[in-house]
Structures are given as C-alpha cells and as structure tokens.
C-alpha cells in the first residue's frame, strides 16, 4: 500500500504541475496583449500631442497670412494717402492704417503665445518619444521572454502528459478510478494528502487517534473522515 500511495502522490504532483502550466499558458495571450496595450497608449499620447502641434502650426500659418494681408492693405492705404485731396480723408486713412497695425500687433502677440505652446508641445513629444523607445524595447524583450518561456512550458507539458500516462498504468484501475472521483469532489483537485501529528493537511482537522495509529501500518487505503481525501503518514 505504501508503494501505491507513493504512485498516487507522484500522479497528483504531475497533475498539479500540469494544471499550473496550462494556467500559465492561458495567460500568455493576455500578457502579450497587455504589453502591446501599454505601447499603444504611448503611441496614442504621442499622436495626440502631434495633432496639437499640427493644429498650432496651422493656426500660426493662418496668422502669418493674416499679417501679410494686413500689410498689403496698409500699403494700399499708404498709396491712397499720396493722392488725398482734403484733411478729413487724410485723417480717415491714417485711422485705417492705425487699425490695421493694431490688428497686426494683436496677431503678433497671439503668434508669440503659439510659439511658446509649440515649444512646450515639442518638448513633450520629444520626451514621450524617448520614453516610447525605452518602453517599446522593454515590451519587445518581455514579449520574447514570454514566448520563449511558453515554448519551454509547452515542452514540459508534453513531458508531463507522457509521465501521467506512464504513472497511471502503475495503478490498479479501481484505485485510479477512486482517486479521480475524490479529486473531482475536492476543491483544487487534491485527492491525496499527508497526515502529520494527527492533522489532515487537506482540511487541517485532527483525525481520530485509532485511525492515526492505523495509518502507520500502511496495510490498506484510508480516508480522512472530514474531507474524504486519501490520507497517508508524512515522513518527518
């Protein structure tokens, strides 16, 4: 019976590791997606800042056009001044020139503000691009590590599947069936647990003294009265 318990424990270890590896492999896609998502967030941030600076540059160019139009307007007014016949008309034209220059002065103030905003935005873009390069490289390295680890885990999984088949053949069909039933009934799929100092390590409940003493004989399969798992004496 001791040998049979050892085989059951070995089978359980194989199955536990198998479940763990399958869980890890199931997370691979999500981990890769999370890394890609982090990179895309940076790309989006840079794209948003580039849209901002493009809008600023477009508005700046529009202001330049407005100033040029106003300068041309002023030149036309200046030309009119040379042919003015009376003072009233002369003063009116001077007022127009003053208004045009006032508008250009306001536009120039706005252009200075836009230059400052463009400078700040370009610095943000530059910083974000530097950060992006680092994040992209780290993400690519991490993705490569994840993929390599996944391949190694797949190979280990194949080995475990072969071990499982080999170890399962060592068990009596009825014993294997009982093991599988108990495994399915218990949370976490643990069917075989050790007992130490009369405590079941499956449910952490003390087993009866008589049952504890019987475990040392290793002459038959015994079960925890509380959790119904297969129990055995754990060596110190």
C-alpha atoms as a PDB file:
ATOM      1  CA  UNK A   1       0.000   0.000   0.000  1.00  0.00           C
ATOM      2  CA  UNK A   2       2.867   2.380   0.735  1.00  0.00           C
ATOM      3  CA  UNK A   3       4.127   1.973  -2.824  1.00  0.00           C
ATOM      4  CA  UNK A   4       0.634   2.612  -4.177  1.00  0.00           C
ATOM      5  CA  UNK A   5       0.336   5.793  -2.122  1.00  0.00           C
ATOM      6  CA  UNK A   6       3.706   6.932  -3.450  1.00  0.00           C
ATOM      7  CA  UNK A   7       2.469   6.386  -7.004  1.00  0.00           C
ATOM      8  CA  UNK A   8      -0.723   8.338  -6.249  1.00  0.00           C
ATOM      9  CA  UNK A   9       1.298  11.206  -4.778  1.00  0.00           C
ATOM     10  CA  UNK A  10       3.537  11.200  -7.850  1.00  0.00           C
ATOM     11  CA  UNK A  11       0.495  11.237 -10.138  1.00  0.00           C
ATOM     12  CA  UNK A  12      -1.014  14.103  -8.161  1.00  0.00           C
ATOM     13  CA  UNK A  13       2.212  16.086  -8.401  1.00  0.00           C
ATOM     14  CA  UNK A  14       2.243  15.573 -12.164  1.00  0.00           C
ATOM     15  CA  UNK A  15      -1.361  16.689 -12.475  1.00  0.00           C
ATOM     16  CA  UNK A  16      -0.850  19.708 -10.207  1.00  0.00           C
ATOM     17  CA  UNK A  17       2.111  20.871 -12.269  1.00  0.00           C
ATOM     18  CA  UNK A  18       0.117  20.230 -15.455  1.00  0.00           C
ATOM     19  CA  UNK A  19      -2.734  22.451 -14.226  1.00  0.00           C
ATOM     20  CA  UNK A  20      -0.252  25.178 -13.257  1.00  0.00           C
ATOM     21  CA  UNK A  21       1.443  25.129 -16.655  1.00  0.00           C
ATOM     22  CA  UNK A  22      -1.881  25.196 -18.511  1.00  0.00           C
ATOM     23  CA  UNK A  23      -2.920  28.190 -16.415  1.00  0.00           C
ATOM     24  CA  UNK A  24       0.347  29.958 -17.247  1.00  0.00           C
ATOM     25  CA  UNK A  25      -0.090  29.223 -20.964  1.00  0.00           C
ATOM     26  CA  UNK A  26      -3.658  30.522 -20.863  1.00  0.00           C
ATOM     27  CA  UNK A  27      -2.304  33.828 -19.522  1.00  0.00           C
ATOM     28  CA  UNK A  28       0.282  34.208 -22.290  1.00  0.00           C
ATOM     29  CA  UNK A  29      -2.055  35.918 -24.767  1.00  0.00           C
ATOM     30  CA  UNK A  30      -3.313  38.358 -22.128  1.00  0.00           C
ATOM     31  CA  UNK A  31       0.212  39.221 -21.003  1.00  0.00           C
ATOM     32  CA  UNK A  32       1.263  39.880 -24.612  1.00  0.00           C
ATOM     33  CA  UNK A  33      -1.869  41.976 -25.178  1.00  0.00           C
ATOM     34  CA  UNK A  34      -1.188  43.986 -22.002  1.00  0.00           C
ATOM     35  CA  UNK A  35       2.340  44.766 -23.199  1.00  0.00           C
ATOM     36  CA  UNK A  36       1.047  45.816 -26.628  1.00  0.00           C
ATOM     37  CA  UNK A  37      -1.644  47.903 -24.932  1.00  0.00           C
ATOM     38  CA  UNK A  38       0.966  49.771 -22.877  1.00  0.00           C
ATOM     39  CA  UNK A  39       2.921  50.573 -26.040  1.00  0.00           C
ATOM     40  CA  UNK A  40      -0.234  51.664 -27.888  1.00  0.00           C
ATOM     41  CA  UNK A  41      -1.154  54.044 -25.059  1.00  0.00           C
ATOM     42  CA  UNK A  42       2.196  55.795 -25.555  1.00  0.00           C
ATOM     43  CA  UNK A  43       1.691  55.846 -29.319  1.00  0.00           C
ATOM     44  CA  UNK A  44      -1.738  57.395 -28.779  1.00  0.00           C
ATOM     45  CA  UNK A  45      -0.321  60.026 -26.418  1.00  0.00           C
ATOM     46  CA  UNK A  46       2.376  60.968 -28.915  1.00  0.00           C
ATOM     47  CA  UNK A  47      -0.222  61.059 -31.701  1.00  0.00           C
ATOM     48  CA  UNK A  48      -2.443  63.376 -29.668  1.00  0.00           C
ATOM     49  CA  UNK A  49       0.452  65.738 -28.987  1.00  0.00           C
ATOM     50  CA  UNK A  50       1.423  65.708 -32.665  1.00  0.00           C
ATOM     51  CA  UNK A  51      -2.165  66.618 -33.586  1.00  0.00           C
ATOM     52  CA  UNK A  52      -1.984  69.501 -31.122  1.00  0.00           C
ATOM     53  CA  UNK A  53       1.248  70.849 -32.579  1.00  0.00           C
ATOM     54  CA  UNK A  54      -0.054  70.432 -36.147  1.00  0.00           C
ATOM     55  CA  UNK A  55      -3.119  72.486 -35.212  1.00  0.00           C
ATOM     56  CA  UNK A  56      -0.877  75.107 -33.609  1.00  0.00           C
ATOM     57  CA  UNK A  57       1.320  75.279 -36.707  1.00  0.00           C
ATOM     58  CA  UNK A  58      -1.733  75.589 -38.966  1.00  0.00           C
ATOM     59  CA  UNK A  59      -3.128  78.417 -36.844  1.00  0.00           C
ATOM     60  CA  UNK A  60       0.315  80.056 -36.819  1.00  0.00           C
ATOM     61  CA  UNK A  61       0.421  79.913 -40.620  1.00  0.00           C
ATOM     62  CA  UNK A  62      -3.075  81.415 -40.756  1.00  0.00           C
ATOM     63  CA  UNK A  63      -1.885  84.269 -38.547  1.00  0.00           C
ATOM     64  CA  UNK A  64       1.089  84.790 -40.867  1.00  0.00           C
ATOM     65  CA  UNK A  65      -1.329  85.022 -43.797  1.00  0.00           C
ATOM     66  CA  UNK A  66      -3.490  87.495 -41.876  1.00  0.00           C
ATOM     67  CA  UNK A  67      -0.467  89.681 -41.140  1.00  0.00           C
ATOM     68  CA  UNK A  68       0.596  89.586 -44.788  1.00  0.00           C
ATOM     69  CA  UNK A  69      -2.904  90.569 -45.906  1.00  0.00           C
ATOM     70  CA  UNK A  70      -2.933  93.422 -43.391  1.00  0.00           C
ATOM     71  CA  UNK A  71       0.494  94.611 -44.596  1.00  0.00           C
ATOM     72  CA  UNK A  72      -0.761  94.620 -48.166  1.00  0.00           C
ATOM     73  CA  UNK A  73      -3.840  96.518 -47.026  1.00  0.00           C
ATOM     74  CA  UNK A  74      -1.634  99.050 -45.257  1.00  0.00           C
ATOM     75  CA  UNK A  75       0.468  99.500 -48.408  1.00  0.00           C
ATOM     76  CA  UNK A  76      -2.687 100.241 -50.436  1.00  0.00           C
ATOM     77  CA  UNK A  77      -3.814 102.778 -47.848  1.00  0.00           C
ATOM     78  CA  UNK A  78      -0.345 104.347 -47.906  1.00  0.00           C
ATOM     79  CA  UNK A  79      -0.671 104.654 -51.670  1.00  0.00           C
ATOM     80  CA  UNK A  80      -4.037 106.399 -51.276  1.00  0.00           C
ATOM     81  CA  UNK A  81      -2.503 108.894 -48.850  1.00  0.00           C
ATOM     82  CA  UNK A  82      -0.370 110.289 -51.644  1.00  0.00           C
ATOM     83  CA  UNK A  83      -3.442 111.300 -53.637  1.00  0.00           C
ATOM     84  CA  UNK A  84      -5.612 112.606 -50.793  1.00  0.00           C
ATOM     85  CA  UNK A  85      -7.266 115.987 -51.522  1.00  0.00           C
ATOM     86  CA  UNK A  86      -8.516 117.020 -48.076  1.00  0.00           C
ATOM     87  CA  UNK A  87      -7.569 116.666 -44.408  1.00  0.00           C
ATOM     88  CA  UNK A  88     -10.682 114.722 -43.423  1.00  0.00           C
ATOM     89  CA  UNK A  89      -9.947 111.982 -45.908  1.00  0.00           C
ATOM     90  CA  UNK A  90      -6.295 112.059 -44.889  1.00  0.00           C
ATOM     91  CA  UNK A  91      -7.185 111.558 -41.203  1.00  0.00           C
ATOM     92  CA  UNK A  92      -9.582 108.735 -42.091  1.00  0.00           C
ATOM     93  CA  UNK A  93      -6.850 106.909 -43.958  1.00  0.00           C
ATOM     94  CA  UNK A  94      -4.421 107.371 -41.073  1.00  0.00           C
ATOM     95  CA  UNK A  95      -7.072 105.871 -38.784  1.00  0.00           C
ATOM     96  CA  UNK A  96      -7.352 102.879 -41.108  1.00  0.00           C
ATOM     97  CA  UNK A  97      -3.575 102.419 -41.018  1.00  0.00           C
ATOM     98  CA  UNK A  98      -3.639 102.614 -37.222  1.00  0.00           C
ATOM     99  CA  UNK A  99      -6.413  99.995 -37.057  1.00  0.00           C
ATOM    100  CA  UNK A 100      -4.552  97.666 -39.406  1.00  0.00           C
ATOM    101  CA  UNK A 101      -1.352  97.993 -37.379  1.00  0.00           C
ATOM    102  CA  UNK A 102      -3.335  97.393 -34.182  1.00  0.00           C
ATOM    103  CA  UNK A 103      -4.753  94.189 -35.604  1.00  0.00           C
ATOM    104  CA  UNK A 104      -1.275  93.026 -36.653  1.00  0.00           C
ATOM    105  CA  UNK A 105       0.048  93.819 -33.179  1.00  0.00           C
ATOM    106  CA  UNK A 106      -2.686  91.632 -31.625  1.00  0.00           C
ATOM    107  CA  UNK A 107      -1.966  88.849 -34.106  1.00  0.00           C
ATOM    108  CA  UNK A 108       1.775  89.039 -33.351  1.00  0.00           C
ATOM    109  CA  UNK A 109       1.046  88.707 -29.619  1.00  0.00           C
ATOM    110  CA  UNK A 110      -1.021  85.598 -30.342  1.00  0.00           C
ATOM    111  CA  UNK A 111       1.748  84.227 -32.561  1.00  0.00           C
ATOM    112  CA  UNK A 112       4.221  84.588 -29.704  1.00  0.00           C
ATOM    113  CA  UNK A 113       1.839  82.637 -27.452  1.00  0.00           C
ATOM    114  CA  UNK A 114       1.506  79.958 -30.111  1.00  0.00           C
ATOM    115  CA  UNK A 115       5.298  79.734 -30.461  1.00  0.00           C
ATOM    116  CA  UNK A 116       5.537  79.160 -26.707  1.00  0.00           C
ATOM    117  CA  UNK A 117       2.826  76.472 -26.883  1.00  0.00           C
ATOM    118  CA  UNK A 118       4.575  74.795 -29.816  1.00  0.00           C
ATOM    119  CA  UNK A 119       7.844  74.811 -27.934  1.00  0.00           C
ATOM    120  CA  UNK A 120       6.247  73.184 -24.876  1.00  0.00           C
ATOM    121  CA  UNK A 121       4.410  70.623 -27.032  1.00  0.00           C
ATOM    122  CA  UNK A 122       7.561  69.743 -29.000  1.00  0.00           C
ATOM    123  CA  UNK A 123       9.428  69.147 -25.741  1.00  0.00           C
ATOM    124  CA  UNK A 124       6.591  66.885 -24.530  1.00  0.00           C
ATOM    125  CA  UNK A 125       6.696  64.952 -27.815  1.00  0.00           C
ATOM    126  CA  UNK A 126      10.474  64.624 -27.620  1.00  0.00           C
ATOM    127  CA  UNK A 127      10.282  63.328 -24.034  1.00  0.00           C
ATOM    128  CA  UNK A 128       7.439  60.951 -24.869  1.00  0.00           C
ATOM    129  CA  UNK A 129       9.314  59.599 -27.886  1.00  0.00           C
ATOM    130  CA  UNK A 130      12.366  58.874 -25.732  1.00  0.00           C
ATOM    131  CA  UNK A 131      10.137  57.135 -23.197  1.00  0.00           C
ATOM    132  CA  UNK A 132       8.371  55.290 -26.013  1.00  0.00           C
ATOM    133  CA  UNK A 133      11.643  53.875 -27.335  1.00  0.00           C
ATOM    134  CA  UNK A 134      12.513  52.535 -23.876  1.00  0.00           C
ATOM    135  CA  UNK A 135       9.023  51.136 -23.275  1.00  0.00           C
ATOM    136  CA  UNK A 136       8.877  49.588 -26.755  1.00  0.00           C
ATOM    137  CA  UNK A 137      12.261  47.895 -26.311  1.00  0.00           C
ATOM    138  CA  UNK A 138      11.337  46.619 -22.835  1.00  0.00           C
ATOM    139  CA  UNK A 139       7.988  45.364 -24.126  1.00  0.00           C
ATOM    140  CA  UNK A 140       9.605  43.567 -27.068  1.00  0.00           C
ATOM    141  CA  UNK A 141      12.186  41.946 -24.780  1.00  0.00           C
ATOM    142  CA  UNK A 142       9.476  40.919 -22.334  1.00  0.00           C
ATOM    143  CA  UNK A 143       7.334  39.524 -25.150  1.00  0.00           C
ATOM    144  CA  UNK A 144      10.284  37.497 -26.409  1.00  0.00           C
ATOM    145  CA  UNK A 145      10.915  36.152 -22.890  1.00  0.00           C
ATOM    146  CA  UNK A 146       7.234  35.263 -22.510  1.00  0.00           C
ATOM    147  CA  UNK A 147       7.220  33.438 -25.849  1.00  0.00           C
ATOM    148  CA  UNK A 148      10.418  31.549 -25.069  1.00  0.00           C
ATOM    149  CA  UNK A 149       9.115  30.601 -21.638  1.00  0.00           C
ATOM    150  CA  UNK A 150       5.815  29.499 -23.194  1.00  0.00           C
ATOM    151  CA  UNK A 151       7.661  27.218 -25.593  1.00  0.00           C
ATOM    152  CA  UNK A 152       9.633  25.719 -22.701  1.00  0.00           C
ATOM    153  CA  UNK A 153       6.429  25.219 -20.702  1.00  0.00           C
ATOM    154  CA  UNK A 154       4.767  23.520 -23.693  1.00  0.00           C
ATOM    155  CA  UNK A 155       7.663  21.076 -23.881  1.00  0.00           C
ATOM    156  CA  UNK A 156       7.374  20.437 -20.148  1.00  0.00           C
ATOM    157  CA  UNK A 157       3.632  19.927 -20.558  1.00  0.00           C
ATOM    158  CA  UNK A 158       4.254  17.277 -23.209  1.00  0.00           C
ATOM    159  CA  UNK A 159       6.694  15.552 -20.850  1.00  0.00           C
ATOM    160  CA  UNK A 160       4.138  15.628 -18.034  1.00  0.00           C
ATOM    161  CA  UNK A 161       1.458  14.131 -20.266  1.00  0.00           C
ATOM    162  CA  UNK A 162       3.774  11.216 -21.037  1.00  0.00           C
ATOM    163  CA  UNK A 163       4.670  10.853 -17.352  1.00  0.00           C
ATOM    164  CA  UNK A 164       0.991  10.917 -16.447  1.00  0.00           C
ATOM    165  CA  UNK A 165       0.220   8.082 -18.851  1.00  0.00           C
ATOM    166  CA  UNK A 166       3.180   6.075 -17.575  1.00  0.00           C
ATOM    167  CA  UNK A 167       2.400   6.563 -13.869  1.00  0.00           C
ATOM    168  CA  UNK A 168      -1.336   5.946 -14.351  1.00  0.00           C
ATOM    169  CA  UNK A 169      -0.544   2.489 -15.760  1.00  0.00           C
ATOM    170  CA  UNK A 170       1.167   1.591 -12.488  1.00  0.00           C
ATOM    171  CA  UNK A 171      -2.122   1.924 -10.607  1.00  0.00           C
ATOM    172  CA  UNK A 172      -4.896  -0.602 -10.274  1.00  0.00           C
ATOM    173  CA  UNK A 173      -7.872   0.647 -12.401  1.00  0.00           C
ATOM    174  CA  UNK A 174     -10.183   0.647  -9.375  1.00  0.00           C
ATOM    175  CA  UNK A 175      -7.708   2.628  -7.288  1.00  0.00           C
ATOM    176  CA  UNK A 176      -7.193   5.102 -10.147  1.00  0.00           C
ATOM    177  CA  UNK A 177     -10.970   5.450 -10.514  1.00  0.00           C
ATOM    178  CA  UNK A 178     -11.356   6.119  -6.777  1.00  0.00           C
ATOM    179  CA  UNK A 179      -8.544   8.672  -6.913  1.00  0.00           C
ATOM    180  CA  UNK A 180     -10.164  10.507  -9.829  1.00  0.00           C
ATOM    181  CA  UNK A 181     -13.560  10.586  -8.102  1.00  0.00           C
ATOM    182  CA  UNK A 182     -12.090  12.029  -4.893  1.00  0.00           C
ATOM    183  CA  UNK A 183     -10.044  14.518  -6.909  1.00  0.00           C
ATOM    184  CA  UNK A 184     -13.153  15.753  -8.714  1.00  0.00           C
ATOM    185  CA  UNK A 185     -15.090  16.090  -5.453  1.00  0.00           C
ATOM    186  CA  UNK A 186     -12.465  18.181  -3.689  1.00  0.00           C
ATOM    187  CA  UNK A 187     -11.635  21.809  -4.273  1.00  0.00           C
ATOM    188  CA  UNK A 188      -8.311  22.301  -6.016  1.00  0.00           C
ATOM    189  CA  UNK A 189      -8.329  18.741  -7.321  1.00  0.00           C
ATOM    190  CA  UNK A 190      -6.259  17.408  -4.398  1.00  0.00           C
ATOM    191  CA  UNK A 191      -7.175  13.809  -3.585  1.00  0.00           C
ATOM    192  CA  UNK A 192      -4.143  12.568  -1.631  1.00  0.00           C
ATOM    193  CA  UNK A 193      -2.879  14.461   1.421  1.00  0.00           C
ATOM    194  CA  UNK A 194      -0.386  13.729   4.180  1.00  0.00           C
ATOM    195  CA  UNK A 195      -1.169  13.481   7.860  1.00  0.00           C
ATOM    196  CA  UNK A 196       1.306  14.846  10.363  1.00  0.00           C
ATOM    197  CA  UNK A 197       0.862  14.920  14.106  1.00  0.00           C
ATOM    198  CA  UNK A 198      -2.641  13.501  13.592  1.00  0.00           C
ATOM    199  CA  UNK A 199      -3.685  16.510  11.468  1.00  0.00           C
ATOM    200  CA  UNK A 200      -5.008  16.064   7.932  1.00  0.00           C
ATOM    201  CA  UNK A 201      -3.191  18.522   5.669  1.00  0.00           C
ATOM    202  CA  UNK A 202      -6.160  18.595   3.336  1.00  0.00           C
ATOM    203  CA  UNK A 203      -8.676  20.086   5.745  1.00  0.00           C
ATOM    204  CA  UNK A 204      -6.441  20.850   8.781  1.00  0.00           C
ATOM    205  CA  UNK A 205      -8.693  18.790  11.060  1.00  0.00           C
ATOM    206  CA  UNK A 206      -7.461  16.224  13.593  1.00  0.00           C
ATOM    207  CA  UNK A 207      -8.223  12.645  12.675  1.00  0.00           C
ATOM    208  CA  UNK A 208      -9.315  10.077  15.322  1.00  0.00           C
ATOM    209  CA  UNK A 209      -6.421   8.524  17.302  1.00  0.00           C
ATOM    210  CA  UNK A 210      -7.272   4.992  16.190  1.00  0.00           C
ATOM    211  CA  UNK A 211      -7.222   5.972  12.517  1.00  0.00           C
ATOM    212  CA  UNK A 212      -3.964   7.813  13.045  1.00  0.00           C
ATOM    213  CA  UNK A 213      -2.384   4.685  14.521  1.00  0.00           C
ATOM    214  CA  UNK A 214      -3.741   2.542  11.685  1.00  0.00           C
ATOM    215  CA  UNK A 215      -2.057   4.784   9.131  1.00  0.00           C
ATOM    216  CA  UNK A 216       1.349   3.653  10.323  1.00  0.00           C
ATOM    217  CA  UNK A 217       0.536   0.055   9.329  1.00  0.00           C
ATOM    218  CA  UNK A 218       0.219   1.024   5.641  1.00  0.00           C
ATOM    219  CA  UNK A 219      -1.867  -2.097   5.029  1.00  0.00           C
ATOM    220  CA  UNK A 220      -4.901  -0.510   3.334  1.00  0.00           C
ATOM    221  CA  UNK A 221      -6.241   2.666   1.835  1.00  0.00           C
ATOM    222  CA  UNK A 222      -7.606   5.086   4.415  1.00  0.00           C
ATOM    223  CA  UNK A 223      -9.600   8.287   4.167  1.00  0.00           C
ATOM    224  CA  UNK A 224      -9.980  11.454   6.208  1.00  0.00           C
ATOM    225  CA  UNK A 225     -13.371  11.316   7.993  1.00  0.00           C
ATOM    226  CA  UNK A 226     -13.786  15.063   7.452  1.00  0.00           C
ATOM    227  CA  UNK A 227     -12.756  15.769   3.814  1.00  0.00           C
ATOM    228  CA  UNK A 228     -12.829  12.195   2.479  1.00  0.00           C
ATOM    229  CA  UNK A 229      -9.399  12.521   0.908  1.00  0.00           C
ATOM    230  CA  UNK A 230      -6.929   9.660   0.786  1.00  0.00           C
ATOM    231  CA  UNK A 231      -4.511  10.122   3.674  1.00  0.00           C
ATOM    232  CA  UNK A 232      -1.050   8.797   4.478  1.00  0.00           C
ATOM    233  CA  UNK A 233       1.652   9.374   7.060  1.00  0.00           C
ATOM    234  CA  UNK A 234       4.073  12.076   6.098  1.00  0.00           C
ATOM    235  CA  UNK A 235       7.683  11.254   6.858  1.00  0.00           C
ATOM    236  CA  UNK A 236       9.461  13.748   9.092  1.00  0.00           C
END
